[in-house]
């Protein structure tokens, strides 16, 4: 229930969805509703079947609600990739030399 409320409060007055553009907000509201329903269902029947059903419902709705994927920005020319393919500067956000 906490995650659902973080995305959108039950009364719609606050949450991440209030900060998003219309299309993205609609998707976030759909996810919040689904998370809220899943939380109630799991609270009523906390078993493996209910958990699997909740996860399947979330996986079904989440990609559609997320919208199109945003391409990752290209690394700067002077930023060689570090371990894992992430540019070294991205691994040191506070420029501490770590």
Protein backbone atom coordinates (compact mmCIF):
# COMPACT_ATOMS: atom_id res chain seq x y z
CA UNK A 1 0.00 0.00 0.00
CA UNK A 2 2.90 2.34 0.73
CA UNK A 3 4.23 2.09 -2.82
CA UNK A 4 0.76 2.71 -4.25
CA UNK A 5 0.42 5.83 -2.09
CA UNK A 6 3.86 7.05 -3.14
CA UNK A 7 2.77 6.83 -6.77
CA UNK A 8 -0.64 8.35 -6.11
CA UNK A 9 -2.53 8.87 -2.86
CA UNK A 10 -5.96 7.23 -2.71
CA UNK A 11 -7.62 10.66 -2.95
CA UNK A 12 -5.33 11.74 -5.84
CA UNK A 13 -4.04 14.75 -3.91
CA UNK A 14 -0.35 13.81 -3.85
CA UNK A 15 2.24 11.36 -5.10
CA UNK A 16 4.54 10.96 -8.07
CA UNK A 17 1.61 11.00 -10.52
CA UNK A 18 0.87 14.63 -9.64
CA UNK A 19 4.31 15.63 -10.95
CA UNK A 20 4.04 13.88 -14.33
CA UNK A 21 2.67 15.00 -17.69
CA UNK A 22 -0.85 13.85 -18.57
CA UNK A 23 -0.02 10.61 -20.42
CA UNK A 24 2.60 9.53 -17.91
CA UNK A 25 0.33 10.51 -15.02
CA UNK A 26 -2.45 8.32 -16.40
CA UNK A 27 -0.06 5.37 -16.54
CA UNK A 28 1.18 6.05 -13.01
CA UNK A 29 -2.40 6.24 -11.74
CA UNK A 30 -3.16 2.88 -13.36
CA UNK A 31 -0.15 1.35 -11.63
CA UNK A 32 -1.11 2.92 -8.28
CA UNK A 33 -4.63 1.50 -8.59
CA UNK A 34 -3.27 -1.94 -9.42
CA UNK A 35 -0.76 -1.83 -6.55
CA UNK A 36 -3.52 -0.81 -4.15
CA UNK A 37 -5.76 -3.67 -5.33
CA UNK A 38 -2.87 -6.14 -5.08
CA UNK A 39 -2.08 -4.98 -1.54
CA UNK A 40 -5.69 -5.49 -0.44
CA UNK A 41 -5.82 -8.90 -2.12
CA UNK A 42 -2.56 -10.01 -0.50
CA UNK A 43 -3.72 -8.73 2.87
CA UNK A 44 -6.93 -10.75 2.58
CA UNK A 45 -5.21 -13.89 1.32
CA UNK A 46 -1.43 -13.90 1.91
CA UNK A 47 -0.53 -17.00 -0.04
CA UNK A 48 1.69 -17.87 -3.00
CA UNK A 49 -1.20 -17.90 -5.47
CA UNK A 50 -2.26 -14.36 -4.57
CA UNK A 51 1.33 -13.16 -4.78
CA UNK A 52 1.84 -14.73 -8.21
CA UNK A 53 -1.44 -13.24 -9.46
CA UNK A 54 -0.47 -9.77 -8.16
CA UNK A 55 2.96 -9.94 -9.78
CA UNK A 56 1.49 -11.09 -13.10
CA UNK A 57 -1.01 -8.21 -13.04
CA UNK A 58 1.72 -5.68 -12.29
CA UNK A 59 3.97 -7.04 -15.04
CA UNK A 60 1.07 -6.85 -17.50
CA UNK A 61 0.27 -3.21 -16.73
CA UNK A 62 3.71 -1.76 -15.98
CA UNK A 63 5.23 -1.75 -19.51
CA UNK A 64 2.14 -0.16 -21.03
CA UNK A 65 1.98 2.47 -18.31
CA UNK A 66 5.67 3.30 -18.58
CA UNK A 67 5.33 4.54 -22.15
CA UNK A 68 8.06 4.42 -24.79
CA UNK A 69 11.59 3.74 -23.67
CA UNK A 70 13.89 6.74 -23.51
CA UNK A 71 17.30 6.13 -25.12
CA UNK A 72 20.30 6.47 -22.83
CA UNK A 73 22.55 9.45 -23.60
CA UNK A 74 25.86 8.65 -25.24
CA UNK A 75 28.97 8.83 -23.10
CA UNK A 76 31.21 11.85 -23.55
CA UNK A 77 34.25 11.32 -25.77
CA UNK A 78 36.71 11.67 -22.86
CA UNK A 79 34.72 9.28 -20.64
CA UNK A 80 35.94 5.73 -21.25
CA UNK A 81 33.59 3.01 -20.03
CA UNK A 82 34.48 1.52 -16.65
CA UNK A 83 33.56 -1.93 -15.43
CA UNK A 84 30.05 -2.85 -16.46
CA UNK A 85 30.05 -0.48 -19.45
CA UNK A 86 29.21 2.57 -17.30
CA UNK A 87 31.38 5.66 -17.93
CA UNK A 88 33.83 6.26 -15.08
CA UNK A 89 32.35 9.71 -14.35
CA UNK A 90 28.93 8.14 -13.82
CA UNK A 91 30.43 5.97 -11.08
CA UNK A 92 31.74 9.06 -9.25
CA UNK A 93 28.83 11.52 -9.04
CA UNK A 94 30.48 13.63 -6.31
CA UNK A 95 33.84 13.78 -8.12
CA UNK A 96 35.74 12.25 -5.20
CA UNK A 97 38.06 10.21 -7.36
CA UNK A 98 36.59 6.88 -6.28
